[in-house]
């Protein structure tokens, strides 16, 4: 898909030993994951990081609740998608489960309806790990820590992502109690908003890098949430734009003159979007999604549903995986590319769906095995 730099990634025996010790927690996730087998009829929607609260002003789920309810009930359910909720669905650091389920009871009814399409599975993240102690939890029968999607002889491992931090893994219950006390009884009353790794660029990058190394070593694809940052084939938005510009520049010299104006126009759009990313990065601390000199498509991230009036998600349909964005149809999407990304409106709902990127799973795994 892209023009590639020089291959330069190899592991010595000592490095391999270090990676195995570093990723022992992720290896255990892989071994005990719930197995699900894919075929050409499979349709799966993957969502993460809803952070459902009590419906009040500090509930970050509230702003996109109607959008998510609409697309689940009016698109994915009738289109026969199964559903994976990949962690941090409830915001149990700040709100009680009773208040959350009372406010959003219609969502739990909607989630359960996806069982009729095939399955409903829910992994738990660091913000909703307390669900393990809730015997009466409405989605208890669907609760697992990780899911292993079998695509022929290949594996896609779904887990929330906080497990890549040994500290979060080993101290989860003690840490959760301390954070819950701080957020519910100190931060919440004075209006402090979410407290998460998703808002820490350095920690976010470190977790993604650890999962990237583990996935390449294990020759699997990992699908995560946790960092709230959509990733497709291990590429961040900045990486994607850089490589698309490079790819178009390579194409430009080999096409007829009459086709060149369109390429020039697309490059201009991509450059404008890239410049905007870098300007924003100067403020927030820009970090790339590329962890070595060669992009290996081993990490995907569905993003989150608490973006500014937009929801990102991953879809698997047969042998295709895609990253999509749903948003209010009156708003122009910020992500601009040269591919066919025309928004498709969902009836008269006012909401639109746009495909940010897609590829075949066969390509993804072929590239993974050749380059990792």
Protein backbone atom coordinates (compact mmCIF):
# COMPACT_ATOMS: atom_id res chain seq x y z
CA UNK A 1 0.00 0.00 0.00
CA UNK A 2 2.87 2.37 0.73
CA UNK A 3 6.38 3.03 -0.56
CA UNK A 4 8.56 1.29 2.03
CA UNK A 5 11.80 2.26 3.76
CA UNK A 6 14.66 -0.19 4.08
CA UNK A 7 13.98 -3.29 6.14
CA UNK A 8 16.01 -3.09 9.33
CA UNK A 9 14.33 -5.05 12.10
CA UNK A 10 15.83 -8.29 13.45
CA UNK A 11 16.02 -9.79 16.92
CA UNK A 12 19.05 -11.39 18.57
CA UNK A 13 18.58 -14.29 21.01
CA UNK A 14 19.12 -11.96 23.98
CA UNK A 15 16.54 -9.52 22.62
CA UNK A 16 14.03 -12.32 22.06
CA UNK A 17 14.54 -13.49 25.66
CA UNK A 18 13.98 -9.95 26.94
CA UNK A 19 10.77 -9.59 24.91
CA UNK A 20 9.43 -12.91 26.19
CA UNK A 21 9.95 -11.83 29.82
CA UNK A 22 8.56 -8.34 29.18
CA UNK A 23 5.40 -9.70 27.57
CA UNK A 24 4.64 -12.62 29.87
CA UNK A 25 1.30 -11.01 30.82
CA UNK A 26 0.28 -10.61 27.20
CA UNK A 27 1.29 -14.22 26.48
CA UNK A 28 -1.10 -15.37 29.18
CA UNK A 29 -3.89 -13.33 27.58
CA UNK A 30 -3.24 -15.10 24.29
CA UNK A 31 -3.28 -18.56 25.87
CA UNK A 32 -6.52 -18.17 27.83
CA UNK A 33 -8.46 -16.03 25.34
CA UNK A 34 -12.02 -16.92 24.39
CA UNK A 35 -11.88 -18.55 20.94
CA UNK A 36 -14.14 -17.31 18.11
CA UNK A 37 -13.84 -18.59 14.54
CA UNK A 38 -14.33 -16.27 11.57
CA UNK A 39 -15.57 -17.12 8.09
CA UNK A 40 -16.67 -15.21 5.00
CA UNK A 41 -20.10 -14.56 6.54
CA UNK A 42 -18.69 -13.01 9.72
CA UNK A 43 -19.62 -9.44 10.56
CA UNK A 44 -18.19 -7.98 13.74
CA UNK A 45 -18.36 -4.47 15.21
CA UNK A 46 -15.63 -3.57 17.74
CA UNK A 47 -16.16 -0.63 20.10
CA UNK A 48 -14.16 0.44 23.12
CA UNK A 49 -13.98 3.15 25.75
CA UNK A 50 -17.57 4.27 26.10
CA UNK A 51 -16.92 5.39 29.72
CA UNK A 52 -20.63 5.34 30.51
CA UNK A 53 -21.53 7.43 33.55
CA UNK A 54 -24.64 8.72 35.31
CA UNK A 55 -25.80 11.09 32.57
CA UNK A 56 -24.62 14.20 34.41
CA UNK A 57 -22.26 16.91 33.23
CA UNK A 58 -19.15 14.84 34.04
CA UNK A 59 -20.41 11.85 32.04
CA UNK A 60 -18.30 11.92 28.86
CA UNK A 61 -20.48 9.26 27.23
CA UNK A 62 -23.47 11.59 27.23
CA UNK A 63 -22.43 13.75 24.24
CA UNK A 64 -22.43 10.82 21.76
CA UNK A 65 -25.03 8.60 23.41
CA UNK A 66 -27.79 9.31 20.88
CA UNK A 67 -25.39 8.84 17.97
CA UNK A 68 -24.22 5.46 19.28
CA UNK A 69 -27.74 4.30 20.09
CA UNK A 70 -28.87 5.19 16.58
CA UNK A 71 -26.08 3.42 14.71
CA UNK A 72 -26.34 0.29 16.87
CA UNK A 73 -30.09 -0.01 16.52
CA UNK A 74 -30.56 1.30 12.97
CA UNK A 75 -27.43 0.01 11.23
CA UNK A 76 -25.34 -2.68 12.92
CA UNK A 77 -28.19 -4.70 14.43
CA UNK A 78 -30.25 -4.98 11.20
CA UNK A 79 -27.04 -5.53 9.20
CA UNK A 80 -26.43 -8.68 11.29
CA UNK A 81 -23.21 -7.63 13.00
CA UNK A 82 -22.02 -9.36 16.15
CA UNK A 83 -20.66 -7.04 18.83
CA UNK A 84 -17.43 -6.85 20.85
CA UNK A 85 -17.23 -4.20 23.57
CA UNK A 86 -13.48 -3.97 24.15
CA UNK A 87 -13.13 -2.57 27.65
CA UNK A 88 -13.83 0.57 29.69
CA UNK A 89 -17.48 0.45 28.74
CA UNK A 90 -18.54 1.64 32.20
CA UNK A 91 -16.73 4.46 34.01
CA UNK A 92 -16.55 2.80 37.42
CA UNK A 93 -13.78 5.07 38.67
CA UNK A 94 -16.22 7.97 38.94
CA UNK A 95 -19.69 6.40 39.06
CA UNK A 96 -21.40 3.43 40.69
CA UNK A 97 -22.59 0.57 38.51
CA UNK A 98 -26.11 1.05 39.87
CA UNK A 99 -26.25 4.66 38.68
CA UNK A 100 -24.78 3.74 35.28
CA UNK A 101 -27.17 0.85 34.57
CA UNK A 102 -30.12 2.90 35.78
CA UNK A 103 -29.34 5.80 33.46
CA UNK A 104 -28.40 3.74 30.39
CA UNK A 105 -30.65 0.69 30.79
CA UNK A 106 -31.80 0.98 27.17
CA UNK A 107 -28.21 0.47 26.02
CA UNK A 108 -27.87 -2.78 27.94
CA UNK A 109 -31.06 -4.05 26.29
CA UNK A 110 -29.59 -3.04 22.93
CA UNK A 111 -26.23 -4.71 23.59
CA UNK A 112 -27.93 -8.00 24.47
CA UNK A 113 -29.88 -8.02 21.21
CA UNK A 114 -26.62 -8.59 19.31
CA UNK A 115 -26.54 -12.15 20.62
CA UNK A 116 -29.21 -12.98 18.07
CA UNK A 117 -26.77 -11.97 15.29
CA UNK A 118 -24.08 -14.35 16.50
CA UNK A 119 -22.47 -13.20 19.72
CA UNK A 120 -21.89 -10.43 22.24
CA UNK A 121 -18.57 -10.38 24.07
CA UNK A 122 -17.28 -7.77 26.46
CA UNK A 123 -13.69 -7.51 27.65
CA UNK A 124 -12.89 -5.49 30.73
CA UNK A 125 -10.46 -2.61 30.99
CA UNK A 126 -8.84 -0.78 33.87
CA UNK A 127 -11.88 1.48 34.36
CA UNK A 128 -14.40 -1.37 34.56
CA UNK A 129 -12.37 -4.28 36.01
CA UNK A 130 -14.50 -4.02 39.18
CA UNK A 131 -17.23 -5.79 37.20
CA UNK A 132 -15.51 -9.06 38.07
CA UNK A 133 -16.93 -8.69 41.58
CA UNK A 134 -20.46 -7.89 40.36
CA UNK A 135 -22.40 -11.16 40.29
CA UNK A 136 -25.61 -9.49 39.10
CA UNK A 137 -24.00 -7.52 36.26
CA UNK A 138 -26.34 -7.48 33.25
CA UNK A 139 -23.62 -8.54 30.78
CA UNK A 140 -21.96 -11.01 33.17
CA UNK A 141 -22.31 -14.00 30.81
CA UNK A 142 -20.48 -12.08 28.08
CA UNK A 143 -17.57 -10.85 30.24
CA UNK A 144 -14.08 -12.10 29.33
CA UNK A 145 -10.57 -10.67 29.51
CA UNK A 146 -9.52 -11.41 25.95
CA UNK A 147 -10.88 -12.87 22.71
CA UNK A 148 -8.99 -14.86 20.11
CA UNK A 149 -10.46 -14.48 16.61
CA UNK A 150 -9.30 -17.35 14.39
CA UNK A 151 -9.03 -16.37 10.74
CA UNK A 152 -7.94 -19.61 9.09
CA UNK A 153 -4.57 -20.33 10.68
CA UNK A 154 -4.13 -16.71 11.78
CA UNK A 155 -5.07 -15.03 15.06
CA UNK A 156 -6.47 -11.62 15.95
CA UNK A 157 -6.26 -11.04 19.71
CA UNK A 158 -8.75 -8.59 21.21
CA UNK A 159 -8.02 -7.13 24.64
CA UNK A 160 -8.37 -3.71 26.20
CA UNK A 161 -4.69 -2.79 26.27
CA UNK A 162 -3.94 -1.80 29.88
CA UNK A 163 -2.43 -5.25 30.34
CA UNK A 164 0.67 -4.07 28.50
CA UNK A 165 1.58 -2.16 31.66
CA UNK A 166 2.85 -4.63 34.31
CA UNK A 167 2.08 -2.02 36.98
CA UNK A 168 -1.57 -1.75 35.97
CA UNK A 169 -1.84 -5.56 35.66
CA UNK A 170 -0.32 -6.45 39.03
CA UNK A 171 -1.82 -3.66 41.14
CA UNK A 172 -5.20 -3.36 39.44
CA UNK A 173 -7.47 -3.90 42.47
CA UNK A 174 -5.46 -1.74 44.90
CA UNK A 175 -4.92 0.98 42.28
CA UNK A 176 -8.59 0.95 41.30
CA UNK A 177 -9.73 1.52 44.88
CA UNK A 178 -7.33 4.44 45.29
CA UNK A 179 -8.30 6.04 41.98
CA UNK A 180 -12.00 5.50 42.64
CA UNK A 181 -11.70 7.27 46.00
CA UNK A 182 -9.83 10.21 44.42
CA UNK A 183 -12.14 10.63 41.43
CA UNK A 184 -15.48 10.11 43.17
CA UNK A 185 -14.84 12.04 46.36
CA UNK A 186 -12.19 14.63 45.43
CA UNK A 187 -11.99 15.22 41.67
CA UNK A 188 -15.67 14.80 40.78
CA UNK A 189 -17.08 17.34 43.28
CA UNK A 190 -14.75 20.06 41.99
CA UNK A 191 -15.36 19.25 38.31
CA UNK A 192 -12.10 17.54 37.29
CA UNK A 193 -12.73 15.49 34.17
CA UNK A 194 -11.37 12.09 33.14
CA UNK A 195 -8.05 10.87 34.50
CA UNK A 196 -6.62 8.35 32.09
CA UNK A 197 -3.58 7.13 30.19
CA UNK A 198 -5.43 8.32 27.09
CA UNK A 199 -4.51 11.89 28.01
CA UNK A 200 -0.82 11.16 28.59
CA UNK A 201 1.06 11.06 25.28
CA UNK A 202 4.23 9.42 26.64
CA UNK A 203 2.45 6.62 28.51
CA UNK A 204 0.09 6.04 25.61
CA UNK A 205 2.96 5.62 23.20
CA UNK A 206 4.81 3.24 25.56
CA UNK A 207 1.79 0.95 25.89
CA UNK A 208 1.21 0.87 22.13
CA UNK A 209 4.89 0.13 21.53
CA UNK A 210 4.88 -2.77 23.98
CA UNK A 211 1.84 -4.33 22.29
CA UNK A 212 3.43 -3.73 18.90
CA UNK A 213 6.58 -5.62 19.92
CA UNK A 214 4.57 -8.49 21.39
CA UNK A 215 2.36 -8.78 18.30
CA UNK A 216 5.31 -8.86 15.90
CA UNK A 217 7.13 -11.43 18.02
CA UNK A 218 4.01 -13.63 18.23
CA UNK A 219 3.04 -13.08 14.56
CA UNK A 220 -0.49 -12.08 15.51
CA UNK A 221 -2.68 -9.01 15.12
CA UNK A 222 -3.68 -7.23 18.33
CA UNK A 223 -6.87 -5.16 18.50
CA UNK A 224 -6.99 -2.83 21.48
CA UNK A 225 -8.64 0.26 22.95
CA UNK A 226 -7.41 2.00 26.12
CA UNK A 227 -5.40 4.84 24.53
CA UNK A 228 -8.46 6.34 22.74
CA UNK A 229 -6.30 6.72 19.63
CA UNK A 230 -7.55 5.05 16.42
CA UNK A 231 -4.81 2.97 14.77
CA UNK A 232 -4.99 1.07 11.51
CA UNK A 233 -2.15 -1.31 10.58
CA UNK A 234 -0.04 0.23 13.37
CA UNK A 235 -0.27 3.62 11.64
CA UNK A 236 -1.37 6.77 13.40
CA UNK A 237 -3.09 9.50 11.44
CA UNK A 238 0.27 11.27 10.97
CA UNK A 239 1.93 8.08 9.70
CA UNK A 240 -0.94 7.38 7.34
CA UNK A 241 -0.80 10.86 5.82
CA UNK A 242 2.99 10.72 5.42
CA UNK A 243 2.90 7.38 3.66
CA UNK A 244 -0.03 8.29 1.43
CA UNK A 245 1.83 11.40 0.26
CA UNK A 246 4.93 9.32 -0.45
CA UNK A 247 2.90 6.71 -2.30
CA UNK A 248 1.19 9.33 -4.47
CA UNK A 249 4.54 10.94 -5.29
CA UNK A 250 5.81 7.59 -6.52
CA UNK A 251 2.65 7.08 -8.58
CA UNK A 252 2.84 10.56 -10.11
CA UNK A 253 5.87 9.85 -12.29
CA UNK A 254 4.34 6.76 -13.89
CA UNK A 255 0.89 8.00 -14.93
CA UNK A 256 -0.28 9.91 -18.02
CA UNK A 257 -0.19 13.70 -17.93
CA UNK A 258 -3.98 14.00 -17.95
CA UNK A 259 -4.21 12.11 -14.64
CA UNK A 260 -1.61 14.20 -12.85
CA UNK A 261 -3.83 17.16 -11.82
CA UNK A 262 -5.96 14.85 -9.70
CA UNK A 263 -2.86 13.47 -7.94
CA UNK A 264 -1.60 17.03 -7.36
CA UNK A 265 -4.96 17.99 -5.84
CA UNK A 266 -4.99 14.96 -3.54
CA UNK A 267 -1.44 15.64 -2.35
CA UNK A 268 -2.39 19.24 -1.56
CA UNK A 269 -5.31 18.02 0.58
CA UNK A 270 -3.13 15.53 2.40
CA UNK A 271 -0.41 18.11 3.04
CA UNK A 272 -2.95 20.52 4.48
CA UNK A 273 -4.24 17.85 6.83
CA UNK A 274 -0.69 16.85 7.81
CA UNK A 275 0.24 20.45 8.57
CA UNK A 276 -2.79 20.71 10.84
CA UNK A 277 -1.68 17.56 12.69
CA UNK A 278 1.79 18.96 13.29
CA UNK A 279 0.44 22.31 14.48
CA UNK A 280 -1.79 20.50 16.95
CA UNK A 281 1.11 18.25 17.93
CA UNK A 282 3.21 21.23 19.03
CA UNK A 283 0.57 21.87 21.66
CA UNK A 284 -0.32 18.35 22.76
CA UNK A 285 3.01 16.58 22.25
CA UNK A 286 2.97 14.78 18.92
CA UNK A 287 3.95 11.13 18.90
CA UNK A 288 3.90 8.84 15.92
CA UNK A 289 2.30 5.40 15.74
CA UNK A 290 5.36 4.02 13.96
CA UNK A 291 7.72 2.19 16.29
CA UNK A 292 10.57 1.26 14.00
CA UNK A 293 11.68 2.09 10.48
CA UNK A 294 9.14 -0.25 8.86
CA UNK A 295 5.39 -0.27 9.50
CA UNK A 296 4.16 -3.77 10.35
CA UNK A 297 0.34 -4.03 10.42
CA UNK A 298 0.10 -5.81 13.77
CA UNK A 299 -1.80 -3.30 15.94
CA UNK A 300 -5.28 -1.88 15.42
CA UNK A 301 -7.19 0.37 17.79
CA UNK A 302 -10.90 1.14 17.56
CA UNK A 303 -10.43 4.54 19.19
CA UNK A 304 -13.30 5.59 21.46
CA UNK A 305 -16.88 6.83 21.50
CA UNK A 306 -16.24 9.97 23.56
CA UNK A 307 -14.63 12.01 20.78
CA UNK A 308 -16.01 15.42 19.98
CA UNK A 309 -19.37 14.54 18.43
CA UNK A 310 -17.91 11.50 16.66
CA UNK A 311 -17.53 7.76 17.21
CA UNK A 312 -14.77 5.59 15.76
CA UNK A 313 -14.97 1.81 15.47
CA UNK A 314 -13.46 -1.21 13.75
CA UNK A 315 -15.47 -3.48 11.51
CA UNK A 316 -14.57 -6.98 10.33
CA UNK A 317 -16.62 -8.18 7.40
CA UNK A 318 -15.58 -11.50 5.88
CA UNK A 319 -11.93 -11.04 4.92
CA UNK A 320 -11.94 -7.24 5.27
CA UNK A 321 -11.07 -5.07 8.25
CA UNK A 322 -11.88 -1.35 8.27
CA UNK A 323 -11.69 1.70 10.51
CA UNK A 324 -14.84 3.81 10.37
CA UNK A 325 -16.06 7.08 11.81
CA UNK A 326 -19.68 8.04 12.55
CA UNK A 327 -20.52 11.70 13.03
CA UNK A 328 -23.22 14.31 12.76
CA UNK A 329 -23.79 14.62 9.00
CA UNK A 330 -23.83 18.41 9.20
CA UNK A 331 -20.18 18.47 10.25
CA UNK A 332 -17.34 18.00 7.78
CA UNK A 333 -15.04 15.19 8.97
CA UNK A 334 -11.54 16.32 9.92
CA UNK A 335 -9.82 13.30 8.38
CA UNK A 336 -9.11 13.99 4.72
CA UNK A 337 -7.63 11.46 2.33
CA UNK A 338 -7.36 10.73 -1.36
CA UNK A 339 -9.32 7.50 -1.23
CA UNK A 340 -13.03 7.08 -1.80
CA UNK A 341 -14.14 8.39 1.57
CA UNK A 342 -17.49 9.84 0.66
CA UNK A 343 -19.75 9.95 3.72
CA UNK A 344 -22.86 7.78 3.55
CA UNK A 345 -25.87 9.10 5.43
CA UNK A 346 -27.88 6.77 7.62
CA UNK A 347 -31.37 7.43 6.28
CA UNK A 348 -32.88 10.59 7.71
CA UNK A 349 -31.10 10.32 11.05
CA UNK A 350 -28.66 13.16 10.36
CA UNK A 351 -25.71 10.86 11.06
CA UNK A 352 -23.12 9.76 8.50
CA UNK A 353 -20.55 6.97 8.25
CA UNK A 354 -17.17 7.36 6.59
CA UNK A 355 -14.55 4.65 6.00
CA UNK A 356 -11.18 6.04 7.11
CA UNK A 357 -9.19 3.01 5.98
CA UNK A 358 -9.69 -0.62 5.03
CA UNK A 359 -7.67 -3.60 3.86
CA UNK A 360 -7.92 -7.35 3.44
CA UNK A 361 -6.93 -9.58 6.34
CA UNK A 362 -4.98 -11.71 3.87
CA UNK A 363 -2.81 -8.70 3.03
CA UNK A 364 -2.41 -7.79 6.69
CA UNK A 365 -1.18 -11.25 7.69
CA UNK A 366 0.99 -11.69 4.60
CA UNK A 367 2.78 -8.44 5.38
CA UNK A 368 3.02 -9.35 9.06
CA UNK A 369 4.71 -12.71 8.34
CA UNK A 370 7.03 -11.30 5.70
CA UNK A 371 8.24 -8.31 7.70
CA UNK A 372 7.97 -9.08 11.42
